[in-house]
PDB file of N, CA and C in Angstrom:
ATOM      1  N   MET A   1       0.092  16.273 -10.455  1.00  0.00           N
ATOM      2  CA  MET A   1      -0.963  15.285 -10.392  1.00  0.00           C
ATOM      3  C   MET A   1      -1.501  15.239  -8.969  1.00  0.00           C
ATOM      4  N   THR A   2      -2.763  14.930  -8.834  1.00  0.00           N
ATOM      5  CA  THR A   2      -3.410  14.857  -7.530  1.00  0.00           C
ATOM      6  C   THR A   2      -3.947  13.451  -7.273  1.00  0.00           C
ATOM      7  N   CYS A   3      -4.300  13.198  -6.025  1.00  0.00           N
ATOM      8  CA  CYS A   3      -4.814  11.870  -5.669  1.00  0.00           C
ATOM      9  C   CYS A   3      -6.098  11.554  -6.437  1.00  0.00           C
ATOM     10  N   TRP A   4      -6.996  12.537  -6.596  1.00  0.00           N
ATOM     11  CA  TRP A   4      -8.262  12.244  -7.274  1.00  0.00           C
ATOM     12  C   TRP A   4      -8.063  12.001  -8.760  1.00  0.00           C
ATOM     13  N   GLU A   5      -7.014  12.568  -9.350  1.00  0.00           N
ATOM     14  CA  GLU A   5      -6.726  12.290 -10.759  1.00  0.00           C
ATOM     15  C   GLU A   5      -6.217  10.862 -10.945  1.00  0.00           C
ATOM     16  N   VAL A   6      -5.493  10.358  -9.975  1.00  0.00           N
ATOM     17  CA  VAL A   6      -4.941   9.004 -10.057  1.00  0.00           C
ATOM     18  C   VAL A   6      -5.957   7.960  -9.614  1.00  0.00           C
ATOM     19  N   LEU A   7      -6.644   8.223  -8.506  1.00  0.00           N
ATOM     20  CA  LEU A   7      -7.517   7.221  -7.907  1.00  0.00           C
ATOM     21  C   LEU A   7      -8.953   7.259  -8.430  1.00  0.00           C
ATOM     22  N   HIS A   8      -9.340   8.346  -9.110  1.00  0.00           N
ATOM     23  CA  HIS A   8     -10.686   8.474  -9.688  1.00  0.00           C
ATOM     24  C   HIS A   8     -11.784   8.172  -8.657  1.00  0.00           C
ATOM     25  N   CYS A   9     -11.660   8.767  -7.485  1.00  0.00           N
ATOM     26  CA  CYS A   9     -12.595   8.474  -6.391  1.00  0.00           C
ATOM     27  C   CYS A   9     -13.970   9.093  -6.595  1.00  0.00           C
ATOM     28  N   GLY A  10     -14.039  10.221  -7.290  1.00  0.00           N
ATOM     29  CA  GLY A  10     -15.310  10.890  -7.485  1.00  0.00           C
ATOM     30  C   GLY A  10     -15.806  11.637  -6.258  1.00  0.00           C
ATOM     31  N   LYS A  11     -14.978  11.706  -5.226  1.00  0.00           N
ATOM     32  CA  LYS A  11     -15.371  12.362  -3.970  1.00  0.00           C
ATOM     33  C   LYS A  11     -14.574  13.632  -3.714  1.00  0.00           C
ATOM     34  N   GLU A  12     -13.819  14.103  -4.698  1.00  0.00           N
ATOM     35  CA  GLU A  12     -12.928  15.239  -4.445  1.00  0.00           C
ATOM     36  C   GLU A  12     -13.637  16.472  -3.905  1.00  0.00           C
ATOM     37  N   ASN A  13     -14.836  16.755  -4.364  1.00  0.00           N
ATOM     38  CA  ASN A  13     -15.547  17.935  -3.877  1.00  0.00           C
ATOM     39  C   ASN A  13     -15.944  17.825  -2.407  1.00  0.00           C
ATOM     40  N   GLU A  14     -15.972  16.619  -1.872  1.00  0.00           N
ATOM     41  CA  GLU A  14     -16.319  16.381  -0.472  1.00  0.00           C
ATOM     42  C   GLU A  14     -15.084  16.241   0.417  1.00  0.00           C
ATOM     43  N   CYS A  15     -13.925  16.171  -0.171  1.00  0.00           N
ATOM     44  CA  CYS A  15     -12.698  15.844   0.550  1.00  0.00           C
ATOM     45  C   CYS A  15     -11.972  17.105   1.036  1.00  0.00           C
ATOM     46  N   PRO A  16     -11.485  17.091   2.274  1.00  0.00           N
ATOM     47  CA  PRO A  16     -10.753  18.248   2.792  1.00  0.00           C
ATOM     48  C   PRO A  16      -9.441  18.534   2.049  1.00  0.00           C
ATOM     49  N   ALA A  17      -8.934  17.593   1.290  1.00  0.00           N
ATOM     50  CA  ALA A  17      -7.704  17.823   0.524  1.00  0.00           C
ATOM     51  C   ALA A  17      -7.975  18.638  -0.747  1.00  0.00           C
ATOM     52  N   TYR A  18      -9.219  18.681  -1.172  1.00  0.00           N
ATOM     53  CA  TYR A  18      -9.588  19.384  -2.396  1.00  0.00           C
ATOM     54  C   TYR A  18      -9.774  20.868  -2.111  1.00  0.00           C
ATOM     55  N   PRO A  19      -9.318  21.768  -2.917  1.00  0.00           N
ATOM     56  CA  PRO A  19      -8.628  21.622  -4.189  1.00  0.00           C
ATOM     57  C   PRO A  19      -7.115  21.801  -4.106  1.00  0.00           C
ATOM     58  N   LYS A  20      -6.573  22.136  -2.933  1.00  0.00           N
ATOM     59  CA  LYS A  20      -5.174  22.542  -2.877  1.00  0.00           C
ATOM     60  C   LYS A  20      -4.193  21.503  -2.353  1.00  0.00           C
ATOM     61  N   SER A  21      -4.656  20.399  -1.771  1.00  0.00           N
ATOM     62  CA  SER A  21      -3.725  19.463  -1.129  1.00  0.00           C
ATOM     63  C   SER A  21      -3.766  18.055  -1.698  1.00  0.00           C
ATOM     64  N   GLY A  22      -4.221  17.917  -2.915  1.00  0.00           N
ATOM     65  CA  GLY A  22      -4.322  16.600  -3.531  1.00  0.00           C
ATOM     66  C   GLY A  22      -2.996  15.958  -3.859  1.00  0.00           C
ATOM     67  N   ALA A  23      -1.930  16.743  -3.872  1.00  0.00           N
ATOM     68  CA  ALA A  23      -0.606  16.185  -4.150  1.00  0.00           C
ATOM     69  C   ALA A  23       0.052  15.624  -2.895  1.00  0.00           C
ATOM     70  N   CYS A  24      -0.488  15.967  -1.728  1.00  0.00           N
ATOM     71  CA  CYS A  24       0.045  15.449  -0.456  1.00  0.00           C
ATOM     72  C   CYS A  24      -1.116  15.167   0.486  1.00  0.00           C
ATOM     73  N   CYS A  25      -2.126  14.487  -0.002  1.00  0.00           N
ATOM     74  CA  CYS A  25      -3.370  14.258   0.732  1.00  0.00           C
ATOM     75  C   CYS A  25      -3.159  13.534   2.057  1.00  0.00           C
ATOM     76  N   TRP A  26      -2.118  12.719   2.153  1.00  0.00           N
ATOM     77  CA  TRP A  26      -1.851  11.985   3.394  1.00  0.00           C
ATOM     78  C   TRP A  26      -1.551  12.911   4.568  1.00  0.00           C
ATOM     79  N   SER A  27      -1.251  14.166   4.300  1.00  0.00           N
ATOM     80  CA  SER A  27      -0.948  15.112   5.382  1.00  0.00           C
ATOM     81  C   SER A  27      -2.173  15.907   5.834  1.00  0.00           C
ATOM     82  N   VAL A  28      -3.336  15.646   5.237  1.00  0.00           N
ATOM     83  CA  VAL A  28      -4.562  16.382   5.554  1.00  0.00           C
ATOM     84  C   VAL A  28      -5.489  15.495   6.391  1.00  0.00           C
ATOM     85  N   THR A  29      -5.912  16.009   7.531  1.00  0.00           N
ATOM     86  CA  THR A  29      -6.814  15.274   8.416  1.00  0.00           C
ATOM     87  C   THR A  29      -8.189  15.110   7.789  1.00  0.00           C
ATOM     88  N   GLY A  30      -8.752  13.914   7.917  1.00  0.00           N
ATOM     89  CA  GLY A  30     -10.127  13.660   7.508  1.00  0.00           C
ATOM     90  C   GLY A  30     -10.370  13.449   6.039  1.00  0.00           C
ATOM     91  N   THR A  31      -9.342  13.095   5.276  1.00  0.00           N
ATOM     92  CA  THR A  31      -9.562  12.869   3.847  1.00  0.00           C
ATOM     93  C   THR A  31     -10.394  11.617   3.618  1.00  0.00           C
ATOM     94  N   LEU A  32     -10.948  11.524   2.434  1.00  0.00           N
ATOM     95  CA  LEU A  32     -11.797  10.397   2.074  1.00  0.00           C
ATOM     96  C   LEU A  32     -10.999   9.421   1.215  1.00  0.00           C
ATOM     97  N   CYS A  33     -10.263   8.574   1.850  1.00  0.00           N
ATOM     98  CA  CYS A  33      -9.410   7.609   1.147  1.00  0.00           C
ATOM     99  C   CYS A  33     -10.241   6.402   0.732  1.00  0.00           C
ATOM    100  N   CYS A  34     -10.350   6.211  -0.560  1.00  0.00           N
ATOM    101  CA  CYS A  34     -11.146   5.110  -1.111  1.00  0.00           C
ATOM    102  C   CYS A  34     -12.568   5.125  -0.559  1.00  0.00           C
ATOM    103  N   GLY A  35     -13.109   6.315  -0.348  1.00  0.00           N
ATOM    104  CA  GLY A  35     -14.462   6.467   0.140  1.00  0.00           C
ATOM    105  C   GLY A  35     -14.619   6.384   1.648  1.00  0.00           C
ATOM    106  N   ASN A  36     -13.519   6.107   2.359  1.00  0.00           N
ATOM    107  CA  ASN A  36     -13.565   6.001   3.813  1.00  0.00           C
ATOM    108  C   ASN A  36     -12.853   7.185   4.446  1.00  0.00           C
ATOM    109  N   LYS A  37     -13.501   7.800   5.416  1.00  0.00           N
ATOM    110  CA  LYS A  37     -12.891   8.938   6.088  1.00  0.00           C
ATOM    111  C   LYS A  37     -11.744   8.456   6.970  1.00  0.00           C
ATOM    112  N   ARG A  38     -10.569   9.071   6.775  1.00  0.00           N
ATOM    113  CA  ARG A  38      -9.381   8.751   7.569  1.00  0.00           C
ATOM    114  C   ARG A  38      -9.152   9.893   8.534  1.00  0.00           C
ATOM    115  N   GLY A  39      -8.850   9.559   9.772  1.00  0.00           N
ATOM    116  CA  GLY A  39      -8.725  10.565  10.814  1.00  0.00           C
ATOM    117  C   GLY A  39      -7.337  11.128  10.991  1.00  0.00           C
ATOM    118  N   THR A  40      -6.630  10.632  11.962  1.00  0.00           N
ATOM    119  CA  THR A  40      -5.345  11.193  12.348  1.00  0.00           C
ATOM    120  C   THR A  40      -4.270  10.909  11.300  1.00  0.00           C
ATOM    121  N   TYR A  41      -3.221  11.693  11.362  1.00  0.00           N
ATOM    122  CA  TYR A  41      -2.085  11.481  10.461  1.00  0.00           C
ATOM    123  C   TYR A  41      -1.540  10.067  10.623  1.00  0.00           C
ATOM    124  N   ASP A  42      -1.382   9.602  11.858  1.00  0.00           N
ATOM    125  CA  ASP A  42      -0.831   8.259  12.089  1.00  0.00           C
ATOM    126  C   ASP A  42      -1.687   7.175  11.445  1.00  0.00           C
ATOM    127  N   ASP A  43      -3.002   7.288  11.579  1.00  0.00           N
ATOM    128  CA  ASP A  43      -3.918   6.330  10.961  1.00  0.00           C
ATOM    129  C   ASP A  43      -3.780   6.377   9.445  1.00  0.00           C
ATOM    130  N   LYS A  44      -3.757   7.585   8.913  1.00  0.00           N
ATOM    131  CA  LYS A  44      -3.708   7.757   7.465  1.00  0.00           C
ATOM    132  C   LYS A  44      -2.408   7.262   6.857  1.00  0.00           C
ATOM    133  N   VAL A  45      -1.289   7.667   7.426  1.00  0.00           N
ATOM    134  CA  VAL A  45      -0.015   7.316   6.808  1.00  0.00           C
ATOM    135  C   VAL A  45       0.234   5.808   6.893  1.00  0.00           C
ATOM    136  N   ARG A  46      -0.260   5.185   7.940  1.00  0.00           N
ATOM    137  CA  ARG A  46      -0.152   3.717   8.052  1.00  0.00           C
ATOM    138  C   ARG A  46      -0.934   3.069   6.906  1.00  0.00           C
ATOM    139  N   TYR A  47      -2.147   3.543   6.670  1.00  0.00           N
ATOM    140  CA  TYR A  47      -2.962   3.041   5.565  1.00  0.00           C
ATOM    141  C   TYR A  47      -2.283   3.321   4.225  1.00  0.00           C
ATOM    142  N   CYS A  48      -1.811   4.542   4.043  1.00  0.00           N
ATOM    143  CA  CYS A  48      -1.204   4.941   2.770  1.00  0.00           C
ATOM    144  C   CYS A  48       0.020   4.092   2.450  1.00  0.00           C
ATOM    145  N   ARG A  49       0.869   3.893   3.424  1.00  0.00           N
ATOM    146  CA  ARG A  49       2.076   3.085   3.211  1.00  0.00           C
ATOM    147  C   ARG A  49       1.732   1.658   2.822  1.00  0.00           C
ATOM    148  N   ALA A  50       0.657   1.130   3.381  1.00  0.00           N
ATOM    149  CA  ALA A  50       0.276  -0.257   3.124  1.00  0.00           C
ATOM    150  C   ALA A  50      -0.542  -0.450   1.854  1.00  0.00           C
ATOM    151  N   ALA A  51      -1.406   0.519   1.513  1.00  0.00           N
ATOM    152  CA  ALA A  51      -2.399   0.215   0.494  1.00  0.00           C
ATOM    153  C   ALA A  51      -2.627   1.256  -0.595  1.00  0.00           C
ATOM    154  N   CYS A  52      -2.093   2.456  -0.472  1.00  0.00           N
ATOM    155  CA  CYS A  52      -2.454   3.507  -1.421  1.00  0.00           C
ATOM    156  C   CYS A  52      -1.488   3.585  -2.606  1.00  0.00           C
ATOM    157  N   LYS A  53      -2.011   3.358  -3.803  1.00  0.00           N
ATOM    158  CA  LYS A  53      -1.145   3.391  -4.985  1.00  0.00           C
ATOM    159  C   LYS A  53      -0.673   4.814  -5.296  1.00  0.00           C
ATOM    160  N   PHE A  54      -1.453   5.815  -4.939  1.00  0.00           N
ATOM    161  CA  PHE A  54      -1.016   7.193  -5.155  1.00  0.00           C
ATOM    162  C   PHE A  54       0.172   7.520  -4.252  1.00  0.00           C
ATOM    163  N   TYR A  55       0.042   7.257  -2.967  1.00  0.00           N
ATOM    164  CA  TYR A  55       1.123   7.514  -2.004  1.00  0.00           C
ATOM    165  C   TYR A  55       2.392   6.764  -2.420  1.00  0.00           C
ATOM    166  N   LYS A  56       2.250   5.497  -2.711  1.00  0.00           N
ATOM    167  CA  LYS A  56       3.409   4.685  -3.107  1.00  0.00           C
ATOM    168  C   LYS A  56       4.041   5.234  -4.381  1.00  0.00           C
ATOM    169  N   GLY A  57       3.230   5.650  -5.337  1.00  0.00           N
ATOM    170  CA  GLY A  57       3.747   6.210  -6.583  1.00  0.00           C
ATOM    171  C   GLY A  57       4.510   7.499  -6.376  1.00  0.00           C
ATOM    172  N   VAL A  58       3.999   8.362  -5.504  1.00  0.00           N
ATOM    173  CA  VAL A  58       4.690   9.614  -5.204  1.00  0.00           C
ATOM    174  C   VAL A  58       6.018   9.313  -4.508  1.00  0.00           C
ATOM    175  N   MET A  59       5.998   8.401  -3.550  1.00  0.00           N
ATOM    176  CA  MET A  59       7.201   8.116  -2.767  1.00  0.00           C
ATOM    177  C   MET A  59       8.319   7.476  -3.591  1.00  0.00           C
ATOM    178  N   VAL A  60       7.966   6.667  -4.569  1.00  0.00           N
ATOM    179  CA  VAL A  60       9.010   6.046  -5.390  1.00  0.00           C
ATOM    180  C   VAL A  60       9.314   6.859  -6.656  1.00  0.00           C
ATOM    181  N   GLY A  61       8.544   7.912  -6.879  1.00  0.00           N
ATOM    182  CA  GLY A  61       8.805   8.789  -8.005  1.00  0.00           C
ATOM    183  C   GLY A  61       8.154   8.411  -9.318  1.00  0.00           C
ATOM    184  N   SER A  62       7.263   7.411  -9.299  1.00  0.00           N
ATOM    185  CA  SER A  62       6.587   7.036 -10.545  1.00  0.00           C
ATOM    186  C   SER A  62       5.398   7.944 -10.836  1.00  0.00           C
ATOM    187  N   ILE A  63       4.959   8.718  -9.840  1.00  0.00           N
ATOM    188  CA  ILE A  63       3.916   9.727 -10.028  1.00  0.00           C
ATOM    189  C   ILE A  63       4.538  11.076  -9.706  1.00  0.00           C
ATOM    190  N   SER A  64       4.438  11.977 -10.646  1.00  0.00           N
ATOM    191  CA  SER A  64       4.992  13.324 -10.478  1.00  0.00           C
ATOM    192  C   SER A  64       3.871  14.251 -10.037  1.00  0.00           C
ATOM    193  N   VAL A  65       4.149  15.015  -8.993  1.00  0.00           N
ATOM    194  CA  VAL A  65       3.169  15.977  -8.507  1.00  0.00           C
ATOM    195  C   VAL A  65       3.690  17.384  -8.728  1.00  0.00           C
ATOM    196  N   VAL A  66       2.762  18.290  -9.000  1.00  0.00           N
ATOM    197  CA  VAL A  66       3.091  19.692  -9.169  1.00  0.00           C
ATOM    198  C   VAL A  66       2.246  20.472  -8.186  1.00  0.00           C
ATOM    199  N   SER A  67       2.886  21.231  -7.339  1.00  0.00           N
ATOM    200  CA  SER A  67       2.143  22.016  -6.346  1.00  0.00           C
ATOM    201  C   SER A  67       1.805  23.376  -6.876  1.00  0.00           C
TER     202      SER A  67
END
């Protein structure tokens, strides 16, 4: 599963995580999280830990990703 499949952002074609890094999008610089461009890893992971249901789902194992 990928972030765009879970979050239905509609921006996957514009996102640097597309098409190969949607299962670990928090590790890609400049992704479009909820329509907002996220810069550095530190900025992104802080946001993801606090607010991203995809990140939280992957980390607790409720969302299964296949690379």
